[in-house]
């Protein structure tokens, strides 16, 4: 079994690195740049208006019962946010810093800015080209806007089917399922000592209860859960920033400097290349906000939306909330507390479970590691920090038992992502085999949730690699469709600018 896992780890490492090489970064960010240009910077010009729509929905004033759709526009946004505001914000950001150094989040922000235009186009096209399924529910997403929007019928059908296959695989094996349950179980084991099998069973049962009720139940849960869990995490991070307010300016300088240099402040040498930091930043950014994957368009397509442009504006706020707001909280918490210096990026390598560093090895570690470890009570013999464990140590270093906040946030972040991605995968599988496949799909999804939670130790990176790889594969047909239909998005958006069409929805 060990030989099999070692081989699988090596294979998934190579595959993930290839899929997220420079070519993918260029295509992903490049698409966002193109869409920013053709929409004339919609994420800047209409940002304040889009946030007004969000607050209107939060106050329950976006009810549009006469419009075609399954759930309110705000519930659709919360479902999309349920999928994006997940353990990518806790474990993903921490992992990017642990491997790529404190500068990696800069590239998250960079990709997120252009990703807002990408998400606008996805939400726009999702409503414009959606259909009514045989069971009366709304069906939409990249598979539908590719098939119904692109003129070349054969190519359009091929793209739609390719996305559906990749989207279904991503939901079952990647970002939306196994990785989330894995991070949730890890957080509860590290903070409370809860056995992995117990967490796995609880997570699986709770996920099953909601997803068996379909999009209306998912939307109802997300509408209440997502704002609450973001507020909880926000309050925890703000406590850290208030306590260390005098270090925030220095932290930002370190983040910016490290994004363009392998030498960080305090004598710590970031053991990674700038190219790798860029790749990790964009990779984890997409894992977090999903701009370019097309997944959010599936949730947005279910909205009782009065207009594609209205839907697009709501959709793009998801990227801002996720990557520029929540991710920044994690980044600053890790950097201002200094715990990033106890990571592989700073030279403290990860260890296999059950192993420790020898006394001689510990003694040879840089002085700044010993100073920091002494201040926060960390045993350097345990090796480097990564993923959720890094964020837990950051919170514990400032807030007594602060890791409890991470454990709870990780649970709810992961839970919300699981239920949203269950719906995404269901729609992709339904596109291939019809609505009759929904129930069997849900059963398989629940079983894989259990399996993902049980993967621990060194080999949990297999789960992250699988998630990264499927994200990249899934993005390709969606990005092609977005570029092919960018003219449609551009024309209608420009016309909406001229007539102040968006403002009438206030």
Protein backbone atom coordinates (compact mmCIF):
# COMPACT_ATOMS: atom_id res chain seq x y z
CA UNK A 1 0.00 0.00 0.00
CA UNK A 2 2.84 2.39 0.86
CA UNK A 3 4.49 1.79 -2.52
CA UNK A 4 1.18 2.51 -4.25
CA UNK A 5 0.68 5.77 -2.33
CA UNK A 6 4.28 6.86 -2.99
CA UNK A 7 3.80 6.22 -6.70
CA UNK A 8 0.47 8.04 -6.70
CA UNK A 9 2.01 10.98 -4.84
CA UNK A 10 4.81 11.27 -7.40
CA UNK A 11 2.41 10.99 -10.34
CA UNK A 12 -0.03 13.57 -8.98
CA UNK A 13 2.85 15.94 -8.16
CA UNK A 14 4.09 15.82 -11.75
CA UNK A 15 0.62 16.09 -13.26
CA UNK A 16 -0.36 19.02 -11.06
CA UNK A 17 2.90 20.87 -11.78
CA UNK A 18 2.42 20.37 -15.53
CA UNK A 19 -1.19 21.51 -15.52
CA UNK A 20 -0.27 24.61 -13.54
CA UNK A 21 2.86 25.48 -15.46
CA UNK A 22 3.26 28.92 -17.01
CA UNK A 23 0.98 28.11 -19.94
CA UNK A 24 -2.04 27.66 -17.67
CA UNK A 25 -1.28 30.79 -15.67
CA UNK A 26 -1.03 32.80 -18.91
CA UNK A 27 -4.29 31.40 -20.30
CA UNK A 28 -6.22 31.92 -17.08
CA UNK A 29 -5.05 35.42 -16.27
CA UNK A 30 -4.97 36.31 -19.96
CA UNK A 31 -8.66 35.49 -20.33
CA UNK A 32 -9.42 37.76 -17.36
CA UNK A 33 -7.37 40.57 -18.94
CA UNK A 34 -9.22 40.19 -22.25
CA UNK A 35 -12.62 40.20 -20.54
CA UNK A 36 -11.58 43.22 -18.46
CA UNK A 37 -10.73 45.02 -21.70
CA UNK A 38 -13.88 44.09 -23.66
CA UNK A 39 -16.18 44.94 -20.72
CA UNK A 40 -14.27 48.20 -20.21
CA UNK A 41 -13.25 47.35 -16.68
CA UNK A 42 -16.66 46.29 -15.41
CA UNK A 43 -15.11 45.21 -12.08
CA UNK A 44 -14.00 48.82 -11.48
CA UNK A 45 -16.78 50.80 -13.13
CA UNK A 46 -19.63 48.87 -11.52
CA UNK A 47 -18.02 47.63 -8.33
CA UNK A 48 -19.92 49.93 -5.94
CA UNK A 49 -23.21 49.15 -7.70
CA UNK A 50 -22.54 45.42 -7.51
CA UNK A 51 -21.93 45.65 -3.76
CA UNK A 52 -25.20 47.55 -3.36
CA UNK A 53 -26.93 44.58 -5.00
CA UNK A 54 -25.26 42.27 -2.47
CA UNK A 55 -26.41 44.32 0.54
CA UNK A 56 -29.89 44.59 -0.97
CA UNK A 57 -30.02 40.81 -1.15
CA UNK A 58 -28.66 40.43 2.38
CA UNK A 59 -31.57 42.57 3.60
CA UNK A 60 -34.02 40.33 1.76
CA UNK A 61 -34.96 42.97 -0.80
CA UNK A 62 -33.94 41.07 -3.95
CA UNK A 63 -36.98 38.80 -3.98
CA UNK A 64 -38.10 38.38 -7.57
CA UNK A 65 -40.82 35.77 -7.38
CA UNK A 66 -42.11 36.53 -10.88
CA UNK A 67 -38.75 35.84 -12.50
CA UNK A 68 -37.88 32.43 -13.90
CA UNK A 69 -35.56 30.48 -11.63
CA UNK A 70 -35.29 28.29 -8.53
CA UNK A 71 -33.77 30.53 -5.83
CA UNK A 72 -33.27 34.25 -5.16
CA UNK A 73 -30.27 36.02 -6.75
CA UNK A 74 -28.75 36.49 -3.28
CA UNK A 75 -29.21 32.80 -2.46
CA UNK A 76 -27.52 31.96 -5.77
CA UNK A 77 -24.58 34.21 -4.87
CA UNK A 78 -24.37 32.65 -1.40
CA UNK A 79 -24.41 29.18 -2.98
CA UNK A 80 -21.56 30.23 -5.28
CA UNK A 81 -19.75 31.73 -2.27
CA UNK A 82 -20.44 28.56 -0.31
CA UNK A 83 -18.38 26.77 -2.95
CA UNK A 84 -15.60 29.35 -3.07
CA UNK A 85 -15.26 30.48 0.55
CA UNK A 86 -13.96 27.15 1.75
CA UNK A 87 -10.82 25.55 3.03
CA UNK A 88 -9.01 27.09 0.10
CA UNK A 89 -9.18 30.28 2.15
CA UNK A 90 -7.69 28.63 5.24
CA UNK A 91 -5.61 25.70 4.04
CA UNK A 92 -5.05 26.83 0.43
CA UNK A 93 -3.70 30.28 1.27
CA UNK A 94 -1.55 28.82 4.05
CA UNK A 95 -0.22 26.16 1.69
CA UNK A 96 0.69 28.80 -0.90
CA UNK A 97 2.64 30.76 1.73
CA UNK A 98 4.24 27.62 3.18
CA UNK A 99 5.63 26.59 -0.21
CA UNK A 100 5.82 29.86 -2.15
CA UNK A 101 6.69 32.28 0.64
CA UNK A 102 4.76 35.30 1.98
CA UNK A 103 4.73 36.88 -1.49
CA UNK A 104 2.52 34.19 -3.05
CA UNK A 105 -0.75 35.93 -2.02
CA UNK A 106 0.19 38.94 -4.16
CA UNK A 107 -0.40 36.77 -7.18
CA UNK A 108 -3.72 35.67 -5.70
CA UNK A 109 -4.78 39.31 -5.58
CA UNK A 110 -3.47 39.96 -9.07
CA UNK A 111 -5.39 37.05 -10.58
CA UNK A 112 -8.48 37.87 -8.51
CA UNK A 113 -8.69 41.41 -9.93
CA UNK A 114 -8.92 40.11 -13.48
CA UNK A 115 -10.87 37.11 -12.25
CA UNK A 116 -13.70 39.47 -11.31
CA UNK A 117 -14.24 40.21 -15.01
CA UNK A 118 -14.10 36.49 -15.74
CA UNK A 119 -16.70 35.77 -13.06
CA UNK A 120 -18.89 38.59 -14.42
CA UNK A 121 -18.88 36.93 -17.84
CA UNK A 122 -19.64 33.51 -16.33
CA UNK A 123 -22.62 34.82 -14.35
CA UNK A 124 -23.83 36.78 -17.37
CA UNK A 125 -23.68 33.85 -19.79
CA UNK A 126 -25.05 31.42 -17.23
CA UNK A 127 -28.41 33.23 -17.18
CA UNK A 128 -28.46 34.16 -20.85
CA UNK A 129 -28.11 30.60 -22.14
CA UNK A 130 -29.74 28.54 -19.37
CA UNK A 131 -32.53 26.03 -19.98
CA UNK A 132 -35.45 24.49 -18.08
CA UNK A 133 -34.71 20.85 -17.25
CA UNK A 134 -37.26 18.04 -17.55
CA UNK A 135 -38.03 18.20 -13.84
CA UNK A 136 -38.83 21.93 -14.11
CA UNK A 137 -35.65 23.20 -12.47
CA UNK A 138 -33.18 25.58 -14.10
CA UNK A 139 -30.13 24.10 -15.79
CA UNK A 140 -27.20 26.27 -16.76
CA UNK A 141 -23.46 26.74 -16.69
CA UNK A 142 -20.55 26.49 -19.14
CA UNK A 143 -21.87 23.33 -20.78
CA UNK A 144 -25.05 25.18 -21.74
CA UNK A 145 -23.53 28.49 -22.81
CA UNK A 146 -20.96 26.62 -24.85
CA UNK A 147 -23.59 24.46 -26.57
CA UNK A 148 -26.22 27.18 -27.02
CA UNK A 149 -24.00 30.17 -27.66
CA UNK A 150 -21.19 29.07 -29.96
CA UNK A 151 -22.07 29.00 -33.66
CA UNK A 152 -20.12 25.89 -34.67
CA UNK A 153 -22.56 23.21 -33.47
CA UNK A 154 -20.15 20.26 -33.40
CA UNK A 155 -17.45 22.22 -31.60
CA UNK A 156 -20.01 23.71 -29.22
CA UNK A 157 -21.38 20.29 -28.27
CA UNK A 158 -17.86 18.95 -27.79
CA UNK A 159 -16.93 21.81 -25.43
CA UNK A 160 -20.14 21.44 -23.46
CA UNK A 161 -19.63 17.71 -22.99
CA UNK A 162 -15.94 18.14 -22.11
CA UNK A 163 -16.80 20.65 -19.40
CA UNK A 164 -19.55 18.42 -18.01
CA UNK A 165 -17.18 15.44 -17.78
CA UNK A 166 -14.41 17.50 -16.15
CA UNK A 167 -16.85 19.29 -13.86
CA UNK A 168 -18.34 16.02 -12.68
CA UNK A 169 -14.87 14.63 -11.99
CA UNK A 170 -13.82 17.78 -10.15
CA UNK A 171 -16.89 17.63 -7.94
CA UNK A 172 -16.38 13.97 -7.11
CA UNK A 173 -12.61 13.70 -6.76
CA UNK A 174 -11.13 17.18 -6.49
CA UNK A 175 -11.72 20.64 -5.11
CA UNK A 176 -15.37 20.27 -4.24
CA UNK A 177 -15.31 17.08 -2.25
CA UNK A 178 -12.33 15.05 -0.99
CA UNK A 179 -10.06 18.05 -0.36
CA UNK A 180 -12.70 19.80 1.73
CA UNK A 181 -13.61 16.84 3.92
CA UNK A 182 -9.89 16.15 4.35
CA UNK A 183 -9.18 19.67 5.64
CA UNK A 184 -12.17 19.57 7.97
CA UNK A 185 -11.09 16.28 9.54
CA UNK A 186 -7.49 17.53 9.86
CA UNK A 187 -8.58 20.70 11.67
CA UNK A 188 -10.66 18.80 14.23
CA UNK A 189 -7.93 16.24 14.82
CA UNK A 190 -5.18 18.83 15.33
CA UNK A 191 -7.28 21.12 17.54
CA UNK A 192 -9.54 18.79 19.50
CA UNK A 193 -7.94 15.39 19.00
CA UNK A 194 -11.09 14.07 17.34
CA UNK A 195 -10.33 10.74 15.60
CA UNK A 196 -10.43 11.07 11.84
CA UNK A 197 -13.03 8.33 11.46
CA UNK A 198 -15.44 10.18 13.79
CA UNK A 199 -15.07 13.44 11.85
CA UNK A 200 -15.47 11.57 8.57
CA UNK A 201 -18.77 10.00 9.63
CA UNK A 202 -20.21 13.25 11.03
CA UNK A 203 -19.23 15.23 7.94
CA UNK A 204 -20.67 12.63 5.62
CA UNK A 205 -24.01 12.46 7.44
CA UNK A 206 -24.42 16.26 7.55
CA UNK A 207 -23.58 16.60 3.87
CA UNK A 208 -26.02 13.86 2.92
CA UNK A 209 -28.89 15.49 4.83
CA UNK A 210 -28.65 18.68 2.78
CA UNK A 211 -27.66 17.56 -0.72
CA UNK A 212 -30.45 15.00 -0.91
CA UNK A 213 -32.84 17.98 -0.82
CA UNK A 214 -31.49 19.57 -4.02
CA UNK A 215 -30.73 23.20 -4.92
CA UNK A 216 -33.58 24.77 -2.96
CA UNK A 217 -32.38 23.23 0.30
CA UNK A 218 -28.75 23.98 -0.58
CA UNK A 219 -29.65 27.61 -1.36
CA UNK A 220 -31.63 27.98 1.87
CA UNK A 221 -28.76 26.63 3.97
CA UNK A 222 -26.11 28.67 2.12
CA UNK A 223 -28.11 31.89 2.46
CA UNK A 224 -27.88 31.64 6.25
CA UNK A 225 -24.60 29.81 6.73
CA UNK A 226 -22.21 31.74 4.47
CA UNK A 227 -22.59 35.27 5.97
CA UNK A 228 -22.33 33.82 9.49
CA UNK A 229 -19.17 31.80 8.86
CA UNK A 230 -17.43 34.72 7.12
CA UNK A 231 -18.28 36.97 10.09
CA UNK A 232 -16.86 34.42 12.56
CA UNK A 233 -13.58 34.16 10.66
CA UNK A 234 -13.43 37.93 10.19
CA UNK A 235 -13.76 38.56 13.94
CA UNK A 236 -10.98 36.09 14.75
CA UNK A 237 -8.59 37.60 12.21
CA UNK A 238 -9.42 41.15 13.30
CA UNK A 239 -8.46 40.31 16.89
CA UNK A 240 -5.01 39.23 15.65
CA UNK A 241 -4.63 42.37 13.56
CA UNK A 242 -5.68 44.65 16.43
CA UNK A 243 -3.22 42.99 18.81
CA UNK A 244 -0.45 43.32 16.22
CA UNK A 245 -1.60 46.54 14.58
CA UNK A 246 1.89 48.04 14.72
CA UNK A 247 3.17 45.21 12.49
CA UNK A 248 0.58 45.44 9.69
CA UNK A 249 2.53 47.97 7.63
CA UNK A 250 5.71 45.91 7.90
CA UNK A 251 3.74 42.79 6.97
CA UNK A 252 2.45 44.39 3.76
CA UNK A 253 5.98 45.48 2.84
CA UNK A 254 7.23 41.94 3.40
CA UNK A 255 4.41 40.48 1.28
CA UNK A 256 5.11 42.84 -1.62
CA UNK A 257 8.89 42.45 -1.39
CA UNK A 258 8.69 38.67 -1.22
CA UNK A 259 6.50 38.54 -4.33
CA UNK A 260 9.45 39.80 -6.39
CA UNK A 261 12.41 38.42 -4.44
CA UNK A 262 13.58 35.17 -2.88
CA UNK A 263 15.03 37.12 0.07
CA UNK A 264 12.51 38.14 2.73
CA UNK A 265 12.82 40.32 5.80
CA UNK A 266 14.40 39.22 9.06
CA UNK A 267 17.15 37.24 7.38
CA UNK A 268 14.78 34.48 6.21
CA UNK A 269 15.63 33.11 2.80
CA UNK A 270 12.53 32.04 0.91
CA UNK A 271 13.51 28.73 -0.62
CA UNK A 272 11.46 29.03 -3.79
CA UNK A 273 11.63 30.80 -7.12
CA UNK A 274 9.52 33.80 -8.10
CA UNK A 275 8.06 31.71 -10.92
CA UNK A 276 6.91 29.08 -8.43
CA UNK A 277 5.43 31.74 -6.16
CA UNK A 278 3.44 33.14 -9.10
CA UNK A 279 2.24 29.68 -10.08
CA UNK A 280 1.26 28.82 -6.51
CA UNK A 281 -0.45 32.16 -5.97
CA UNK A 282 -2.56 31.88 -9.13
CA UNK A 283 -3.22 28.17 -8.54
CA UNK A 284 -4.42 28.66 -4.97
CA UNK A 285 -6.28 31.81 -5.99
CA UNK A 286 -8.30 29.87 -8.54
CA UNK A 287 -8.79 27.05 -6.06
CA UNK A 288 -10.21 29.67 -3.70
CA UNK A 289 -12.33 31.94 -5.94
CA UNK A 290 -12.95 29.58 -8.91
CA UNK A 291 -12.87 32.43 -11.45
CA UNK A 292 -12.29 30.76 -14.80
CA UNK A 293 -13.50 27.34 -13.72
CA UNK A 294 -17.09 28.12 -14.68
CA UNK A 295 -18.50 26.45 -11.58
CA UNK A 296 -20.16 29.57 -10.16
CA UNK A 297 -22.14 29.99 -13.39
CA UNK A 298 -23.98 26.77 -12.52
CA UNK A 299 -25.28 28.24 -9.25
CA UNK A 300 -25.95 31.65 -10.77
CA UNK A 301 -28.03 30.01 -13.50
CA UNK A 302 -30.53 28.85 -10.88
CA UNK A 303 -31.27 32.43 -9.78
CA UNK A 304 -34.57 34.20 -10.26
CA UNK A 305 -32.56 36.82 -12.06
CA UNK A 306 -34.20 39.57 -14.10
CA UNK A 307 -31.24 40.10 -16.37
CA UNK A 308 -27.88 38.52 -17.40
CA UNK A 309 -25.97 41.69 -16.56
CA UNK A 310 -27.50 41.93 -13.10
CA UNK A 311 -26.51 38.35 -12.51
CA UNK A 312 -22.99 39.03 -13.77
CA UNK A 313 -22.48 41.91 -11.36
CA UNK A 314 -23.59 39.80 -8.42
CA UNK A 315 -21.34 36.95 -9.55
CA UNK A 316 -18.20 39.09 -9.71
CA UNK A 317 -18.59 40.23 -6.10
CA UNK A 318 -17.96 36.62 -5.09
CA UNK A 319 -14.35 36.84 -6.29
CA UNK A 320 -13.80 40.07 -4.37
CA UNK A 321 -15.29 38.73 -1.14
CA UNK A 322 -13.38 35.48 -1.40
CA UNK A 323 -9.93 36.40 -2.67
CA UNK A 324 -9.44 40.05 -1.83
CA UNK A 325 -11.28 40.07 1.50
CA UNK A 326 -11.20 36.63 3.15
CA UNK A 327 -7.85 35.51 1.69
CA UNK A 328 -6.23 38.73 2.88
CA UNK A 329 -7.38 37.99 6.43
CA UNK A 330 -5.58 34.64 6.31
CA UNK A 331 -2.49 36.11 4.69
CA UNK A 332 -2.09 38.90 7.23
CA UNK A 333 -2.78 36.56 10.16
CA UNK A 334 0.07 34.29 9.06
CA UNK A 335 2.51 37.05 8.18
CA UNK A 336 2.01 39.43 11.14
CA UNK A 337 2.42 36.56 13.59
CA UNK A 338 5.63 35.51 11.81
CA UNK A 339 4.68 31.83 11.72
CA UNK A 340 5.45 31.66 7.99
CA UNK A 341 9.10 31.39 9.10
CA UNK A 342 8.32 27.87 10.33
CA UNK A 343 7.47 26.56 6.87
CA UNK A 344 9.24 24.77 4.00
CA UNK A 345 9.54 28.15 2.22
CA UNK A 346 11.80 29.31 5.06
CA UNK A 347 13.73 26.05 5.17
CA UNK A 348 11.88 23.97 7.78
CA UNK A 349 10.76 20.95 5.82
CA UNK A 350 7.65 18.89 6.40
CA UNK A 351 8.07 15.53 8.09
CA UNK A 352 6.35 12.21 7.64
CA UNK A 353 3.83 11.37 10.37
CA UNK A 354 5.45 9.88 13.46
CA UNK A 355 8.93 11.27 12.72
CA UNK A 356 10.83 14.14 14.33
CA UNK A 357 14.01 16.11 13.69
CA UNK A 358 17.09 15.09 15.60
CA UNK A 359 18.63 17.39 18.21
CA UNK A 360 21.61 18.20 15.99
CA UNK A 361 19.33 19.13 13.09
CA UNK A 362 17.21 21.36 15.32
CA UNK A 363 20.29 23.07 16.73
CA UNK A 364 21.49 23.89 13.21
CA UNK A 365 18.28 25.70 12.26
CA UNK A 366 18.48 29.51 11.82
CA UNK A 367 18.34 31.66 14.93
CA UNK A 368 15.11 33.40 13.92
CA UNK A 369 13.32 30.03 13.95
CA UNK A 370 14.46 29.32 17.51
CA UNK A 371 13.42 32.78 18.66
CA UNK A 372 9.97 32.54 17.10
CA UNK A 373 9.41 28.94 18.25
CA UNK A 374 10.28 29.97 21.80
CA UNK A 375 7.88 32.91 21.69
CA UNK A 376 4.87 30.86 20.54
CA UNK A 377 5.75 27.56 22.22
CA UNK A 378 6.33 25.55 19.03
CA UNK A 379 8.56 22.46 19.03
CA UNK A 380 10.91 22.71 16.04
CA UNK A 381 11.50 18.96 16.20
CA UNK A 382 8.02 18.57 14.69
CA UNK A 383 9.24 20.06 11.41
CA UNK A 384 7.62 22.62 9.14
CA UNK A 385 4.03 23.84 9.12
CA UNK A 386 1.68 23.71 6.17
CA UNK A 387 -2.00 23.88 5.24
CA UNK A 388 -4.60 24.25 8.02
CA UNK A 389 -1.98 23.58 10.74
CA UNK A 390 -0.13 26.79 9.77
CA UNK A 391 -3.25 28.93 10.15
CA UNK A 392 -4.08 27.21 13.44
CA UNK A 393 -0.64 28.07 14.87
CA UNK A 394 -1.04 31.69 13.67
CA UNK A 395 -4.32 32.05 15.56
CA UNK A 396 -3.07 30.17 18.64
CA UNK A 397 0.01 32.41 18.81
CA UNK A 398 -2.13 35.48 19.50
CA UNK A 399 -5.55 34.31 20.71
CA UNK A 400 -5.71 31.82 23.60
CA UNK A 401 -7.10 28.63 22.05
CA UNK A 402 -7.54 30.61 18.82
CA UNK A 403 -7.19 27.42 16.86
CA UNK A 404 -10.75 26.63 17.91
CA UNK A 405 -11.90 29.43 15.59
CA UNK A 406 -10.00 27.79 12.72
CA UNK A 407 -11.41 24.39 13.52
CA UNK A 408 -14.96 25.72 13.52
CA UNK A 409 -14.40 27.93 10.47
CA UNK A 410 -12.73 25.05 8.62
CA UNK A 411 -15.71 22.86 9.37
CA UNK A 412 -18.30 25.35 8.15
CA UNK A 413 -16.19 26.57 5.22
CA UNK A 414 -15.65 23.00 4.12
CA UNK A 415 -19.25 22.02 4.75
CA UNK A 416 -20.63 24.88 2.67
CA UNK A 417 -18.24 24.05 -0.15
CA UNK A 418 -19.22 20.40 -0.09
CA UNK A 419 -22.93 21.07 -0.42
CA UNK A 420 -22.45 23.63 -3.20
CA UNK A 421 -20.09 21.44 -5.19
CA UNK A 422 -22.45 18.52 -4.80
CA UNK A 423 -24.95 20.60 -6.80
CA UNK A 424 -22.35 21.60 -9.39
CA UNK A 425 -21.38 18.00 -10.01
CA UNK A 426 -25.02 16.94 -10.14
CA UNK A 427 -25.74 19.45 -12.89
CA UNK A 428 -22.69 18.28 -14.87
CA UNK A 429 -23.63 14.61 -14.53
CA UNK A 430 -27.24 15.50 -15.32
CA UNK A 431 -26.10 17.19 -18.51
CA UNK A 432 -24.53 13.91 -19.61
CA UNK A 433 -27.11 11.38 -18.41
CA UNK A 434 -30.21 13.42 -17.58
CA UNK A 435 -32.05 14.09 -14.33
CA UNK A 436 -32.38 10.36 -13.62
CA UNK A 437 -28.67 10.35 -12.70
CA UNK A 438 -29.08 12.83 -9.82
CA UNK A 439 -29.82 10.38 -7.02
CA UNK A 440 -27.06 7.85 -7.91
CA UNK A 441 -24.62 10.74 -8.24
CA UNK A 442 -25.50 12.04 -4.77
CA UNK A 443 -24.85 8.61 -3.27
CA UNK A 444 -21.39 8.40 -4.89
CA UNK A 445 -20.58 11.96 -3.81
CA UNK A 446 -21.41 11.14 -0.20
CA UNK A 447 -19.24 8.00 -0.28
CA UNK A 448 -16.24 9.93 -1.63
CA UNK A 449 -16.72 12.60 1.05
CA UNK A 450 -16.08 9.86 3.61
CA UNK A 451 -13.01 8.60 1.75
CA UNK A 452 -11.46 12.07 1.42
CA UNK A 453 -11.78 12.73 5.15
CA UNK A 454 -9.91 9.52 5.95
CA UNK A 455 -6.76 10.50 4.00
CA UNK A 456 -4.17 11.83 6.43
CA UNK A 457 -0.48 12.54 6.91
CA UNK A 458 2.04 12.91 4.11
CA UNK A 459 -0.32 11.55 1.50
CA UNK A 460 -2.95 14.24 1.97
CA UNK A 461 -1.04 16.16 -0.70
CA UNK A 462 -2.44 13.61 -3.16
CA UNK A 463 -5.87 15.14 -2.51
CA UNK A 464 -4.59 18.68 -3.14
CA UNK A 465 -2.81 17.58 -6.32
CA UNK A 466 -5.94 15.89 -7.64
CA UNK A 467 -7.97 19.02 -6.89
CA UNK A 468 -5.45 21.27 -8.63
CA UNK A 469 -5.29 19.01 -11.70
CA UNK A 470 -9.04 18.72 -12.16
CA UNK A 471 -9.40 22.48 -11.67
CA UNK A 472 -7.05 23.08 -14.58
CA UNK A 473 -8.68 20.51 -16.84
CA UNK A 474 -12.14 21.87 -16.04
CA UNK A 475 -11.07 25.45 -16.76
CA UNK A 476 -9.92 24.79 -20.34
CA UNK A 477 -13.31 24.25 -22.06
CA UNK A 478 -14.82 27.06 -19.98
CA UNK A 479 -12.11 29.55 -20.94
CA UNK A 480 -12.50 28.64 -24.61
CA UNK A 481 -16.25 29.24 -24.37
CA UNK A 482 -15.75 32.55 -22.54
CA UNK A 483 -13.38 33.82 -25.22
CA UNK A 484 -15.68 32.62 -28.01
CA UNK A 485 -18.63 34.47 -26.46
CA UNK A 486 -16.72 37.52 -25.23
CA UNK A 487 -18.21 39.57 -28.08
CA UNK A 488 -21.73 38.85 -26.82
CA UNK A 489 -20.78 39.86 -23.29
CA UNK A 490 -18.99 43.00 -24.53
CA UNK A 491 -21.83 44.25 -26.76
CA UNK A 492 -24.62 43.88 -24.24
CA UNK A 493 -22.49 45.26 -21.40
CA UNK A 494 -21.56 48.34 -23.47
CA UNK A 495 -25.23 48.89 -24.33
CA UNK A 496 -26.10 48.57 -20.64
CA UNK A 497 -23.50 51.23 -19.81
CA UNK A 498 -25.04 53.67 -22.28
CA UNK A 499 -28.60 53.27 -21.00
CA UNK A 500 -27.66 52.97 -17.29
CA UNK A 501 -29.49 49.68 -17.48
CA UNK A 502 -27.88 48.22 -14.35
CA UNK A 503 -29.04 51.04 -12.07
CA UNK A 504 -32.73 50.27 -12.55
CA UNK A 505 -32.37 47.15 -10.38
CA UNK A 506 -31.57 49.15 -7.23
